[in-house]
Amino acid sequence: MARKSAAGAGTPATVELTKAGIAFTGHAYEHDPAATSYGMEAATVLGLDPARVFKTLVADVGGTLAVAIVPVSGTLDLKALAHALGQKKAAMADPALAQRRTGYVLGGISPIGQRQHSPTVLDHSALAHETIFVSGGRRGFDIELSPADLIAVTKASTAPIGHQA
C-alpha cells in the first residue's frame, strides 16, 4: 500500500503518518451534510464492509480522556473500555471537549495526529483484517492502513471494547 496524496492530504493525521514512514492510502468522498452516522456513510460511499471501518470516540475514563476505536457497525462498551484501562467506569466525553482535546471536528476525529495524546484502545476485531479504515481528520476523508501500524502510531492497546449491533 503506497502513500497517496488524495484530497485531505495534509491533515494532522496524514502528516503524522508520513513523518513516521507508515504506509497508508487516503480515500476521499463527498460527505453528505445530512448524514447522521459518519462512519456508516463512509462504509456505504466507499463500498466497504462496515466491520473494516472504525469510528473514533472519546470517553472520560476514571477522570482521564481516552480514545476508543470501534467498528462503525457496532457500539462502544464503556465498561469494557474502563476495564481495558484499569478503571471501574467510563462515560462518553462532552463533544466540545473531545473536539478541543483532539483538534478535530465531530465526524472527522482521527485517532492519529491528535492535539494531545490520550490512552487509546482499539477493538480487538481490527486484528482480523489486513487493513482497516479510520477517519483521516475531516469529514469525507478516511485513511486505510494496517491495524499494526495504527497501534504503533497511536500507542494503542487492543481489547474487546465493541458490541456488534
N, C-alpha and C. Protein backbone atom coordinates (compact mmCIF):
# COMPACT_ATOMS: atom_id res chain seq x y z
N MET A 1 0.86 -1.16 0.00
CA MET A 1 0.00 0.00 0.00
C MET A 1 0.91 1.22 0.00
N ALA A 2 0.71 2.08 -0.93
CA ALA A 2 1.56 3.26 -1.04
C ALA A 2 0.87 4.47 -0.43
N ARG A 3 1.69 5.43 -0.05
CA ARG A 3 1.11 6.68 0.40
C ARG A 3 0.49 7.37 -0.79
N LYS A 4 -0.65 7.94 -0.62
CA LYS A 4 -1.31 8.64 -1.71
C LYS A 4 -1.63 10.05 -1.28
N SER A 5 -1.46 10.98 -2.19
CA SER A 5 -1.87 12.34 -1.89
C SER A 5 -3.24 12.53 -2.50
N ALA A 6 -4.24 12.27 -1.69
CA ALA A 6 -5.63 12.46 -2.10
C ALA A 6 -6.13 13.72 -1.44
N ALA A 7 -7.34 14.11 -1.82
CA ALA A 7 -7.93 15.26 -1.14
C ALA A 7 -7.94 14.94 0.34
N GLY A 8 -7.53 15.87 1.14
CA GLY A 8 -7.44 15.62 2.57
C GLY A 8 -6.01 15.40 3.00
N ALA A 9 -5.10 15.21 2.04
CA ALA A 9 -3.70 15.07 2.40
C ALA A 9 -3.29 16.35 3.11
N GLY A 10 -2.42 16.21 4.06
CA GLY A 10 -2.01 17.39 4.82
C GLY A 10 -2.80 17.58 6.10
N THR A 11 -3.70 16.66 6.44
CA THR A 11 -4.34 16.74 7.74
C THR A 11 -3.30 16.34 8.78
N PRO A 12 -3.50 16.68 10.05
CA PRO A 12 -2.54 16.24 11.06
C PRO A 12 -2.32 14.72 11.04
N ALA A 13 -3.35 13.96 10.70
CA ALA A 13 -3.21 12.50 10.65
C ALA A 13 -2.26 12.08 9.53
N THR A 14 -2.45 12.62 8.34
CA THR A 14 -1.58 12.22 7.22
C THR A 14 -0.16 12.73 7.42
N VAL A 15 -0.03 13.90 8.01
CA VAL A 15 1.30 14.44 8.30
C VAL A 15 2.04 13.52 9.26
N GLU A 16 1.35 13.08 10.32
CA GLU A 16 1.99 12.20 11.31
C GLU A 16 2.36 10.85 10.69
N LEU A 17 1.47 10.28 9.88
CA LEU A 17 1.77 9.01 9.24
C LEU A 17 2.97 9.13 8.29
N THR A 18 3.00 10.19 7.52
CA THR A 18 4.11 10.40 6.59
C THR A 18 5.42 10.57 7.35
N LYS A 19 5.38 11.37 8.40
CA LYS A 19 6.58 11.60 9.23
C LYS A 19 7.08 10.29 9.84
N ALA A 20 6.16 9.40 10.21
CA ALA A 20 6.53 8.12 10.83
C ALA A 20 6.92 7.06 9.78
N GLY A 21 6.76 7.39 8.50
CA GLY A 21 7.10 6.43 7.45
C GLY A 21 6.12 5.28 7.34
N ILE A 22 4.88 5.51 7.74
CA ILE A 22 3.86 4.46 7.72
C ILE A 22 3.06 4.55 6.42
N ALA A 23 2.93 3.41 5.74
CA ALA A 23 2.17 3.35 4.50
C ALA A 23 0.67 3.45 4.80
N PHE A 24 0.00 4.26 4.00
CA PHE A 24 -1.44 4.42 4.13
C PHE A 24 -2.00 4.83 2.78
N THR A 25 -3.31 4.69 2.64
CA THR A 25 -3.99 5.17 1.45
C THR A 25 -5.13 6.07 1.90
N GLY A 26 -5.20 7.25 1.34
CA GLY A 26 -6.29 8.18 1.64
C GLY A 26 -7.46 7.92 0.71
N HIS A 27 -8.67 7.96 1.26
CA HIS A 27 -9.89 7.75 0.48
C HIS A 27 -10.83 8.93 0.74
N ALA A 28 -10.90 9.84 -0.23
CA ALA A 28 -11.79 10.99 -0.11
C ALA A 28 -13.14 10.65 -0.75
N TYR A 29 -14.19 11.20 -0.19
CA TYR A 29 -15.52 11.02 -0.75
C TYR A 29 -16.33 12.27 -0.44
N GLU A 30 -17.41 12.43 -1.16
CA GLU A 30 -18.28 13.59 -0.96
C GLU A 30 -19.15 13.35 0.27
N HIS A 31 -18.89 14.13 1.32
CA HIS A 31 -19.65 13.99 2.56
C HIS A 31 -21.02 14.62 2.40
N ASP A 32 -22.06 13.91 2.83
CA ASP A 32 -23.43 14.42 2.81
C ASP A 32 -23.71 15.07 4.16
N PRO A 33 -23.92 16.39 4.20
CA PRO A 33 -24.18 17.06 5.48
C PRO A 33 -25.40 16.52 6.23
N ALA A 34 -26.29 15.83 5.55
CA ALA A 34 -27.48 15.27 6.20
C ALA A 34 -27.19 13.91 6.84
N ALA A 35 -26.01 13.35 6.61
CA ALA A 35 -25.68 12.04 7.17
C ALA A 35 -25.63 12.11 8.69
N THR A 36 -26.23 11.12 9.34
CA THR A 36 -26.25 11.11 10.81
C THR A 36 -25.19 10.18 11.40
N SER A 37 -24.71 9.22 10.60
CA SER A 37 -23.66 8.32 11.05
C SER A 37 -22.49 8.46 10.08
N TYR A 38 -21.48 9.21 10.50
CA TYR A 38 -20.35 9.49 9.62
C TYR A 38 -19.63 8.21 9.20
N GLY A 39 -19.44 7.29 10.11
CA GLY A 39 -18.75 6.06 9.80
C GLY A 39 -19.52 5.17 8.83
N MET A 40 -20.81 5.02 9.05
CA MET A 40 -21.62 4.20 8.14
C MET A 40 -21.70 4.88 6.78
N GLU A 41 -21.70 6.21 6.76
CA GLU A 41 -21.68 6.93 5.49
C GLU A 41 -20.41 6.57 4.73
N ALA A 42 -19.27 6.57 5.41
CA ALA A 42 -18.00 6.23 4.75
C ALA A 42 -18.05 4.81 4.20
N ALA A 43 -18.53 3.87 5.00
CA ALA A 43 -18.60 2.47 4.55
C ALA A 43 -19.48 2.34 3.31
N THR A 44 -20.62 3.00 3.33
CA THR A 44 -21.56 2.92 2.21
C THR A 44 -20.98 3.57 0.95
N VAL A 45 -20.50 4.80 1.08
CA VAL A 45 -20.00 5.54 -0.09
C VAL A 45 -18.76 4.87 -0.68
N LEU A 46 -17.89 4.35 0.18
CA LEU A 46 -16.67 3.71 -0.30
C LEU A 46 -16.87 2.23 -0.65
N GLY A 47 -18.09 1.70 -0.42
CA GLY A 47 -18.39 0.32 -0.76
C GLY A 47 -17.63 -0.70 0.08
N LEU A 48 -17.53 -0.42 1.38
CA LEU A 48 -16.73 -1.26 2.28
C LEU A 48 -17.60 -2.05 3.24
N ASP A 49 -17.05 -3.17 3.71
CA ASP A 49 -17.68 -3.92 4.79
C ASP A 49 -17.58 -3.06 6.04
N PRO A 50 -18.70 -2.72 6.68
CA PRO A 50 -18.65 -1.87 7.88
C PRO A 50 -17.77 -2.42 9.00
N ALA A 51 -17.49 -3.71 8.99
CA ALA A 51 -16.62 -4.30 10.01
C ALA A 51 -15.17 -3.84 9.84
N ARG A 52 -14.82 -3.27 8.67
CA ARG A 52 -13.45 -2.78 8.42
C ARG A 52 -13.33 -1.27 8.62
N VAL A 53 -14.45 -0.60 8.86
CA VAL A 53 -14.45 0.85 9.04
C VAL A 53 -14.65 1.12 10.53
N PHE A 54 -13.72 1.89 11.11
CA PHE A 54 -13.72 2.12 12.56
C PHE A 54 -13.97 3.58 12.88
N LYS A 55 -14.76 3.81 13.93
CA LYS A 55 -15.03 5.17 14.40
C LYS A 55 -14.17 5.45 15.62
N THR A 56 -13.84 6.71 15.78
CA THR A 56 -13.01 7.17 16.90
C THR A 56 -13.91 7.90 17.88
N LEU A 57 -13.95 7.41 19.11
CA LEU A 57 -14.78 8.00 20.15
C LEU A 57 -13.89 8.44 21.31
N VAL A 58 -14.30 9.50 21.98
CA VAL A 58 -13.54 10.00 23.13
C VAL A 58 -14.41 9.82 24.37
N ALA A 59 -13.82 9.22 25.40
CA ALA A 59 -14.54 8.94 26.64
C ALA A 59 -13.74 9.43 27.84
N ASP A 60 -14.47 9.70 28.91
CA ASP A 60 -13.85 10.02 30.20
C ASP A 60 -13.76 8.70 30.95
N VAL A 61 -12.53 8.27 31.19
CA VAL A 61 -12.30 7.00 31.87
C VAL A 61 -11.52 7.29 33.15
N GLY A 62 -12.21 7.20 34.28
CA GLY A 62 -11.55 7.45 35.55
C GLY A 62 -10.97 8.86 35.65
N GLY A 63 -11.63 9.83 35.05
CA GLY A 63 -11.17 11.22 35.13
C GLY A 63 -10.14 11.60 34.08
N THR A 64 -9.80 10.68 33.19
CA THR A 64 -8.85 10.94 32.11
C THR A 64 -9.53 10.70 30.78
N LEU A 65 -9.28 11.57 29.81
CA LEU A 65 -9.86 11.33 28.49
C LEU A 65 -9.08 10.23 27.79
N ALA A 66 -9.84 9.34 27.15
CA ALA A 66 -9.26 8.21 26.43
C ALA A 66 -9.94 8.10 25.07
N VAL A 67 -9.24 7.46 24.14
CA VAL A 67 -9.75 7.27 22.79
C VAL A 67 -10.09 5.80 22.60
N ALA A 68 -11.29 5.56 22.07
CA ALA A 68 -11.75 4.20 21.76
C ALA A 68 -11.99 4.13 20.26
N ILE A 69 -11.50 3.06 19.64
CA ILE A 69 -11.66 2.87 18.20
C ILE A 69 -12.41 1.57 17.99
N VAL A 70 -13.66 1.68 17.50
CA VAL A 70 -14.53 0.52 17.35
C VAL A 70 -15.16 0.50 15.96
N PRO A 71 -15.60 -0.69 15.50
CA PRO A 71 -16.25 -0.76 14.19
C PRO A 71 -17.51 0.10 14.13
N VAL A 72 -17.74 0.71 12.97
CA VAL A 72 -18.94 1.55 12.82
C VAL A 72 -20.21 0.72 12.85
N SER A 73 -20.09 -0.57 12.66
CA SER A 73 -21.26 -1.44 12.64
C SER A 73 -21.74 -1.79 14.04
N GLY A 74 -21.05 -1.33 15.06
CA GLY A 74 -21.43 -1.64 16.43
C GLY A 74 -21.38 -0.43 17.33
N THR A 75 -21.29 -0.70 18.63
CA THR A 75 -21.25 0.36 19.62
C THR A 75 -20.09 0.12 20.59
N LEU A 76 -19.73 1.15 21.31
CA LEU A 76 -18.68 1.06 22.31
C LEU A 76 -19.26 0.53 23.62
N ASP A 77 -18.58 -0.45 24.20
CA ASP A 77 -18.93 -0.98 25.52
C ASP A 77 -18.10 -0.19 26.52
N LEU A 78 -18.72 0.78 27.19
CA LEU A 78 -18.00 1.66 28.11
C LEU A 78 -17.38 0.90 29.27
N LYS A 79 -18.06 -0.11 29.79
CA LYS A 79 -17.50 -0.90 30.90
C LYS A 79 -16.25 -1.65 30.44
N ALA A 80 -16.28 -2.19 29.23
CA ALA A 80 -15.12 -2.90 28.70
C ALA A 80 -13.95 -1.95 28.47
N LEU A 81 -14.25 -0.73 28.01
CA LEU A 81 -13.20 0.27 27.83
C LEU A 81 -12.56 0.61 29.17
N ALA A 82 -13.39 0.86 30.18
CA ALA A 82 -12.87 1.17 31.52
C ALA A 82 -11.99 0.02 32.01
N HIS A 83 -12.47 -1.20 31.86
CA HIS A 83 -11.71 -2.37 32.30
C HIS A 83 -10.37 -2.45 31.56
N ALA A 84 -10.38 -2.20 30.25
CA ALA A 84 -9.15 -2.27 29.45
C ALA A 84 -8.11 -1.26 29.92
N LEU A 85 -8.59 -0.17 30.53
CA LEU A 85 -7.68 0.87 31.02
C LEU A 85 -7.50 0.83 32.53
N GLY A 86 -7.94 -0.27 33.14
CA GLY A 86 -7.73 -0.46 34.57
C GLY A 86 -8.60 0.42 35.46
N GLN A 87 -9.75 0.80 34.96
CA GLN A 87 -10.67 1.65 35.72
C GLN A 87 -12.01 0.94 35.91
N LYS A 88 -12.87 1.54 36.73
CA LYS A 88 -14.16 0.91 37.01
C LYS A 88 -15.29 1.40 36.10
N LYS A 89 -15.23 2.68 35.69
CA LYS A 89 -16.31 3.16 34.84
C LYS A 89 -15.82 4.21 33.85
N ALA A 90 -16.63 4.36 32.81
CA ALA A 90 -16.33 5.32 31.76
C ALA A 90 -17.64 5.94 31.29
N ALA A 91 -17.54 7.13 30.72
CA ALA A 91 -18.69 7.82 30.14
C ALA A 91 -18.20 8.55 28.90
N MET A 92 -19.09 8.74 27.97
CA MET A 92 -18.71 9.49 26.77
C MET A 92 -18.31 10.91 27.18
N ALA A 93 -17.28 11.43 26.55
CA ALA A 93 -16.81 12.79 26.82
C ALA A 93 -17.75 13.80 26.18
N ASP A 94 -17.79 14.98 26.74
CA ASP A 94 -18.55 16.07 26.16
C ASP A 94 -18.01 16.31 24.74
N PRO A 95 -18.88 16.42 23.73
CA PRO A 95 -18.42 16.59 22.36
C PRO A 95 -17.50 17.82 22.16
N ALA A 96 -17.81 18.92 22.82
CA ALA A 96 -16.96 20.11 22.68
C ALA A 96 -15.57 19.86 23.25
N LEU A 97 -15.51 19.15 24.37
CA LEU A 97 -14.23 18.80 24.97
C LEU A 97 -13.45 17.86 24.06
N ALA A 98 -14.14 16.88 23.46
CA ALA A 98 -13.49 15.95 22.54
C ALA A 98 -12.87 16.71 21.36
N GLN A 99 -13.59 17.68 20.84
CA GLN A 99 -13.08 18.47 19.71
C GLN A 99 -11.86 19.29 20.13
N ARG A 100 -11.93 19.92 21.29
CA ARG A 100 -10.78 20.73 21.76
C ARG A 100 -9.57 19.85 22.01
N ARG A 101 -9.78 18.70 22.63
CA ARG A 101 -8.67 17.82 23.00
C ARG A 101 -7.98 17.23 21.78
N THR A 102 -8.79 16.84 20.78
CA THR A 102 -8.22 16.17 19.61
C THR A 102 -7.78 17.14 18.53
N GLY A 103 -8.42 18.30 18.46
CA GLY A 103 -8.12 19.23 17.38
C GLY A 103 -8.92 18.95 16.11
N TYR A 104 -9.86 18.04 16.20
CA TYR A 104 -10.68 17.65 15.06
C TYR A 104 -12.15 17.95 15.34
N VAL A 105 -12.97 18.04 14.28
CA VAL A 105 -14.41 18.24 14.44
C VAL A 105 -15.10 16.88 14.53
N LEU A 106 -16.26 16.84 15.16
CA LEU A 106 -17.04 15.61 15.24
C LEU A 106 -17.29 15.09 13.83
N GLY A 107 -17.20 13.79 13.67
CA GLY A 107 -17.36 13.19 12.35
C GLY A 107 -16.07 13.17 11.56
N GLY A 108 -15.04 13.83 12.11
CA GLY A 108 -13.74 13.86 11.46
C GLY A 108 -12.62 13.62 12.46
N ILE A 109 -12.98 13.12 13.65
CA ILE A 109 -11.95 12.86 14.67
C ILE A 109 -11.16 11.63 14.27
N SER A 110 -9.89 11.84 14.02
CA SER A 110 -8.99 10.75 13.69
C SER A 110 -8.27 10.30 14.96
N PRO A 111 -7.96 9.01 15.07
CA PRO A 111 -7.17 8.58 16.23
C PRO A 111 -5.70 8.98 16.08
N ILE A 112 -5.33 9.45 14.90
CA ILE A 112 -3.94 9.78 14.57
C ILE A 112 -3.78 11.29 14.51
N GLY A 113 -2.68 11.80 15.05
CA GLY A 113 -2.37 13.23 14.93
C GLY A 113 -3.22 14.12 15.80
N GLN A 114 -3.68 13.61 16.91
CA GLN A 114 -4.49 14.44 17.81
C GLN A 114 -3.64 15.49 18.50
N ARG A 115 -4.26 16.58 18.86
CA ARG A 115 -3.58 17.70 19.52
C ARG A 115 -2.86 17.24 20.79
N GLN A 116 -3.53 16.42 21.60
CA GLN A 116 -2.94 15.87 22.82
C GLN A 116 -3.11 14.36 22.78
N HIS A 117 -2.05 13.63 23.11
CA HIS A 117 -2.16 12.17 23.14
C HIS A 117 -3.01 11.73 24.32
N SER A 118 -3.84 10.74 24.09
CA SER A 118 -4.67 10.14 25.14
C SER A 118 -4.48 8.64 25.09
N PRO A 119 -4.69 7.96 26.23
CA PRO A 119 -4.66 6.50 26.19
C PRO A 119 -5.65 6.03 25.12
N THR A 120 -5.24 5.08 24.31
CA THR A 120 -6.03 4.64 23.16
C THR A 120 -6.21 3.13 23.18
N VAL A 121 -7.46 2.70 22.91
CA VAL A 121 -7.77 1.27 22.85
C VAL A 121 -8.47 0.99 21.52
N LEU A 122 -7.94 0.04 20.78
CA LEU A 122 -8.51 -0.41 19.52
C LEU A 122 -9.25 -1.71 19.76
N ASP A 123 -10.48 -1.79 19.26
CA ASP A 123 -11.23 -3.04 19.42
C ASP A 123 -10.46 -4.18 18.76
N HIS A 124 -10.38 -5.31 19.46
CA HIS A 124 -9.59 -6.44 19.00
C HIS A 124 -10.04 -6.99 17.65
N SER A 125 -11.26 -6.71 17.22
CA SER A 125 -11.75 -7.21 15.93
C SER A 125 -10.94 -6.65 14.76
N ALA A 126 -10.26 -5.54 14.96
CA ALA A 126 -9.44 -4.95 13.90
C ALA A 126 -8.34 -5.89 13.46
N LEU A 127 -7.87 -6.73 14.38
CA LEU A 127 -6.75 -7.62 14.10
C LEU A 127 -7.10 -8.71 13.09
N ALA A 128 -8.38 -8.91 12.82
CA ALA A 128 -8.82 -9.91 11.85
C ALA A 128 -8.70 -9.43 10.41
N HIS A 129 -8.37 -8.16 10.21
CA HIS A 129 -8.31 -7.56 8.88
C HIS A 129 -6.89 -7.16 8.50
N GLU A 130 -6.56 -7.32 7.23
CA GLU A 130 -5.25 -6.90 6.74
C GLU A 130 -5.12 -5.37 6.83
N THR A 131 -6.20 -4.68 6.43
CA THR A 131 -6.24 -3.22 6.56
C THR A 131 -7.60 -2.81 7.10
N ILE A 132 -7.61 -1.67 7.77
CA ILE A 132 -8.86 -1.08 8.28
C ILE A 132 -8.90 0.38 7.86
N PHE A 133 -10.04 1.01 8.05
CA PHE A 133 -10.25 2.41 7.69
C PHE A 133 -10.60 3.20 8.95
N VAL A 134 -9.96 4.36 9.12
CA VAL A 134 -10.28 5.29 10.21
C VAL A 134 -10.39 6.68 9.61
N SER A 135 -10.98 7.59 10.34
CA SER A 135 -11.08 8.96 9.85
C SER A 135 -9.69 9.53 9.58
N GLY A 136 -9.61 10.26 8.49
CA GLY A 136 -8.34 10.90 8.13
C GLY A 136 -8.19 12.30 8.67
N GLY A 137 -9.17 12.76 9.45
CA GLY A 137 -9.03 14.07 10.06
C GLY A 137 -10.01 15.11 9.57
N ARG A 138 -10.92 14.70 8.72
CA ARG A 138 -12.01 15.58 8.32
C ARG A 138 -13.15 14.72 7.79
N ARG A 139 -14.34 15.28 7.80
CA ARG A 139 -15.49 14.56 7.26
C ARG A 139 -15.25 14.35 5.76
N GLY A 140 -15.52 13.14 5.30
CA GLY A 140 -15.34 12.85 3.88
C GLY A 140 -13.93 12.41 3.52
N PHE A 141 -13.15 11.98 4.51
CA PHE A 141 -11.79 11.51 4.22
C PHE A 141 -11.40 10.43 5.22
N ASP A 142 -11.19 9.22 4.70
CA ASP A 142 -10.76 8.10 5.54
C ASP A 142 -9.37 7.65 5.13
N ILE A 143 -8.67 7.06 6.07
CA ILE A 143 -7.33 6.53 5.85
C ILE A 143 -7.40 5.02 6.00
N GLU A 144 -6.79 4.32 5.04
CA GLU A 144 -6.67 2.86 5.11
C GLU A 144 -5.24 2.53 5.51
N LEU A 145 -5.11 1.70 6.54
CA LEU A 145 -3.79 1.27 6.99
C LEU A 145 -3.92 -0.05 7.73
N SER A 146 -2.79 -0.67 8.03
CA SER A 146 -2.85 -1.94 8.75
C SER A 146 -3.14 -1.67 10.23
N PRO A 147 -3.83 -2.60 10.89
CA PRO A 147 -4.08 -2.43 12.33
C PRO A 147 -2.78 -2.29 13.11
N ALA A 148 -1.74 -3.05 12.72
CA ALA A 148 -0.46 -2.98 13.43
C ALA A 148 0.14 -1.58 13.34
N ASP A 149 0.02 -0.95 12.18
CA ASP A 149 0.55 0.41 12.03
C ASP A 149 -0.27 1.41 12.83
N LEU A 150 -1.60 1.21 12.88
CA LEU A 150 -2.43 2.09 13.70
C LEU A 150 -2.05 1.97 15.17
N ILE A 151 -1.84 0.74 15.62
CA ILE A 151 -1.44 0.51 17.01
C ILE A 151 -0.10 1.19 17.30
N ALA A 152 0.83 1.06 16.37
CA ALA A 152 2.16 1.65 16.57
C ALA A 152 2.10 3.17 16.64
N VAL A 153 1.39 3.79 15.71
CA VAL A 153 1.39 5.26 15.65
C VAL A 153 0.58 5.91 16.78
N THR A 154 -0.42 5.20 17.30
CA THR A 154 -1.24 5.75 18.38
C THR A 154 -0.85 5.22 19.75
N LYS A 155 0.09 4.27 19.79
CA LYS A 155 0.49 3.60 21.03
C LYS A 155 -0.72 2.95 21.71
N ALA A 156 -1.58 2.37 20.88
CA ALA A 156 -2.83 1.78 21.37
C ALA A 156 -2.61 0.38 21.94
N SER A 157 -3.53 0.02 22.82
CA SER A 157 -3.65 -1.37 23.24
C SER A 157 -4.88 -1.92 22.52
N THR A 158 -5.06 -3.22 22.55
CA THR A 158 -6.26 -3.83 21.95
C THR A 158 -7.04 -4.57 23.03
N ALA A 159 -8.34 -4.56 22.87
CA ALA A 159 -9.23 -5.24 23.83
C ALA A 159 -10.61 -5.37 23.18
N PRO A 160 -11.44 -6.29 23.68
CA PRO A 160 -12.81 -6.41 23.17
C PRO A 160 -13.68 -5.30 23.76
N ILE A 161 -13.70 -4.14 23.09
CA ILE A 161 -14.45 -2.99 23.62
C ILE A 161 -15.69 -2.64 22.79
N GLY A 162 -15.94 -3.39 21.72
CA GLY A 162 -17.09 -3.09 20.88
C GLY A 162 -18.18 -4.13 21.01
N HIS A 163 -19.42 -3.71 20.81
CA HIS A 163 -20.59 -4.60 20.73
C HIS A 163 -21.09 -4.52 19.31
N GLN A 164 -21.38 -5.67 18.70
CA GLN A 164 -21.96 -5.65 17.37
C GLN A 164 -23.46 -5.40 17.47
N ALA A 165 -23.95 -4.57 16.58
CA ALA A 165 -25.38 -4.22 16.59
C ALA A 165 -26.23 -5.34 16.07
